[in-house]
Amino acid sequence: MPEWTHPTDGQAEIKGDTLTFSTASRAPNSSFAVDLKALQPDGSGRVVSKDNKNREWYVTLDPGSGARPFHVTYSYNACRRVYMPKT
């Protein structure tokens, strides 16, 4: 699967059940907010969102707590972005 590996500067923040990622990048879905209520108790899972064309895209988190990488994938192409929060 192609993977987008260019570093993206941005800010990831979790408040309550919402993950917000903001960046100056103009790439589709590069800044977003998603509801994390669907995650498993261990912090893992996939959250579904929709873009402005009503196409699904997904944020996937591995188990754990605190800052850890998360992945963004799309229903309409094979690309995957990996976001690595700075600690």
C-alpha atoms as a PDB file:
ATOM      1  CA  MET A   1       0.000   0.000   0.000  1.00  0.00           C
ATOM      2  CA  PRO A   2       1.472   3.415  -0.875  1.00  0.00           C
ATOM      3  CA  GLU A   3       2.322   5.401   2.201  1.00  0.00           C
ATOM      4  CA  TRP A   4       2.646   9.148   2.488  1.00  0.00           C
ATOM      5  CA  THR A   5       5.903   9.647   4.319  1.00  0.00           C
ATOM      6  CA  HIS A   6       6.617  13.364   3.982  1.00  0.00           C
ATOM      7  CA  PRO A   7       6.682  14.878   7.487  1.00  0.00           C
ATOM      8  CA  THR A   8       3.716  17.075   8.313  1.00  0.00           C
ATOM      9  CA  ASP A   9       4.023  19.747  10.939  1.00  0.00           C
ATOM     10  CA  GLY A  10       0.862  20.066  12.890  1.00  0.00           C
ATOM     11  CA  GLN A  11      -0.785  19.909  16.248  1.00  0.00           C
ATOM     12  CA  ALA A  12      -2.583  16.811  17.556  1.00  0.00           C
ATOM     13  CA  GLU A  13      -4.781  17.303  20.585  1.00  0.00           C
ATOM     14  CA  ILE A  14      -7.249  15.093  22.415  1.00  0.00           C
ATOM     15  CA  LYS A  15      -9.916  16.740  24.543  1.00  0.00           C
ATOM     16  CA  GLY A  16     -12.540  14.439  25.960  1.00  0.00           C
ATOM     17  CA  ASP A  17     -13.507  12.081  23.141  1.00  0.00           C
ATOM     18  CA  THR A  18     -12.321  14.308  20.268  1.00  0.00           C
ATOM     19  CA  LEU A  19      -9.016  14.087  18.384  1.00  0.00           C
ATOM     20  CA  THR A  20      -8.200  17.317  16.558  1.00  0.00           C
ATOM     21  CA  PHE A  21      -5.293  17.545  14.130  1.00  0.00           C
ATOM     22  CA  SER A  22      -4.492  20.878  12.523  1.00  0.00           C
ATOM     23  CA  THR A  23      -1.856  21.766   9.966  1.00  0.00           C
ATOM     24  CA  ALA A  24      -1.225  24.404   7.332  1.00  0.00           C
ATOM     25  CA  SER A  25      -1.126  21.671   4.639  1.00  0.00           C
ATOM     26  CA  ARG A  26      -3.745  21.985   1.919  1.00  0.00           C
ATOM     27  CA  ALA A  27      -3.875  18.224   1.246  1.00  0.00           C
ATOM     28  CA  PRO A  28      -7.379  16.717   1.566  1.00  0.00           C
ATOM     29  CA  ASN A  29      -8.365  15.833   5.139  1.00  0.00           C
ATOM     30  CA  SER A  30      -5.024  17.080   6.490  1.00  0.00           C
ATOM     31  CA  SER A  31      -6.760  19.052   9.259  1.00  0.00           C
ATOM     32  CA  PHE A  32      -9.613  17.278  10.957  1.00  0.00           C
ATOM     33  CA  ALA A  33     -11.525  16.508  14.125  1.00  0.00           C
ATOM     34  CA  VAL A  34     -12.896  13.028  14.839  1.00  0.00           C
ATOM     35  CA  ASP A  35     -14.938  11.512  17.650  1.00  0.00           C
ATOM     36  CA  LEU A  36     -12.993   8.772  19.460  1.00  0.00           C
ATOM     37  CA  LYS A  37     -15.949   7.194  21.293  1.00  0.00           C
ATOM     38  CA  ALA A  38     -15.774   4.140  18.982  1.00  0.00           C
ATOM     39  CA  LEU A  39     -12.293   3.150  20.215  1.00  0.00           C
ATOM     40  CA  GLN A  40     -11.745   0.024  22.281  1.00  0.00           C
ATOM     41  CA  PRO A  41     -10.894   0.326  26.007  1.00  0.00           C
ATOM     42  CA  ASP A  42      -7.196  -0.240  25.150  1.00  0.00           C
ATOM     43  CA  GLY A  43      -7.198   2.888  22.955  1.00  0.00           C
ATOM     44  CA  SER A  44      -7.185   1.003  19.652  1.00  0.00           C
ATOM     45  CA  GLY A  45      -9.676   1.079  16.834  1.00  0.00           C
ATOM     46  CA  ARG A  46     -10.805   2.798  13.673  1.00  0.00           C
ATOM     47  CA  VAL A  47     -12.920   5.953  13.496  1.00  0.00           C
ATOM     48  CA  VAL A  48     -14.913   6.724  10.356  1.00  0.00           C
ATOM     49  CA  SER A  49     -15.392  10.234   8.996  1.00  0.00           C
ATOM     50  CA  LYS A  50     -16.546  11.715   5.672  1.00  0.00           C
ATOM     51  CA  ASP A  51     -14.973  14.332   3.437  1.00  0.00           C
ATOM     52  CA  ASN A  52     -16.745  17.187   1.672  1.00  0.00           C
ATOM     53  CA  LYS A  53     -17.664  14.797  -1.193  1.00  0.00           C
ATOM     54  CA  ASN A  54     -19.330  12.373   1.265  1.00  0.00           C
ATOM     55  CA  ARG A  55     -16.526   9.780   0.876  1.00  0.00           C
ATOM     56  CA  GLU A  56     -15.410   7.817   3.927  1.00  0.00           C
ATOM     57  CA  TRP A  57     -11.936   8.076   5.373  1.00  0.00           C
ATOM     58  CA  TYR A  58     -10.575   6.495   8.542  1.00  0.00           C
ATOM     59  CA  VAL A  59      -8.323   7.269  11.490  1.00  0.00           C
ATOM     60  CA  THR A  60      -6.781   4.139  13.004  1.00  0.00           C
ATOM     61  CA  LEU A  61      -4.991   3.987  16.356  1.00  0.00           C
ATOM     62  CA  ASP A  62      -2.958   1.137  17.798  1.00  0.00           C
ATOM     63  CA  PRO A  63      -3.416   0.085  21.452  1.00  0.00           C
ATOM     64  CA  GLY A  64      -1.795   2.246  24.098  1.00  0.00           C
ATOM     65  CA  SER A  65      -2.046   5.560  25.826  1.00  0.00           C
ATOM     66  CA  GLY A  66      -0.382   8.893  25.329  1.00  0.00           C
ATOM     67  CA  ALA A  67       1.290  10.103  22.151  1.00  0.00           C
ATOM     68  CA  ARG A  68       1.576   7.388  19.497  1.00  0.00           C
ATOM     69  CA  PRO A  69       1.377   7.199  15.715  1.00  0.00           C
ATOM     70  CA  PHE A  70      -2.005   7.123  14.024  1.00  0.00           C
ATOM     71  CA  HIS A  71      -2.936   6.324  10.431  1.00  0.00           C
ATOM     72  CA  VAL A  72      -5.337   7.980   8.010  1.00  0.00           C
ATOM     73  CA  THR A  73      -6.684   5.845   5.139  1.00  0.00           C
ATOM     74  CA  TYR A  74      -9.358   6.376   2.516  1.00  0.00           C
ATOM     75  CA  SER A  75     -12.220   4.350   1.041  1.00  0.00           C
ATOM     76  CA  TYR A  76     -11.526   5.829  -2.403  1.00  0.00           C
ATOM     77  CA  ASN A  77      -7.780   5.170  -2.809  1.00  0.00           C
ATOM     78  CA  ALA A  78      -4.951   3.037  -1.451  1.00  0.00           C
ATOM     79  CA  CYS A  79      -2.910   5.821   0.158  1.00  0.00           C
ATOM     80  CA  ARG A  80      -2.152   5.815   3.867  1.00  0.00           C
ATOM     81  CA  ARG A  81      -0.793   8.717   5.871  1.00  0.00           C
ATOM     82  CA  VAL A  82       1.110   8.084   9.059  1.00  0.00           C
ATOM     83  CA  TYR A  83       1.054  10.827  11.681  1.00  0.00           C
ATOM     84  CA  MET A  84       3.747  10.693  14.360  1.00  0.00           C
ATOM     85  CA  PRO A  85       3.043  13.055  17.250  1.00  0.00           C
ATOM     86  CA  LYS A  86       6.097  14.718  18.757  1.00  0.00           C
ATOM     87  CA  THR A  87       6.534  14.160  22.462  1.00  0.00           C
END
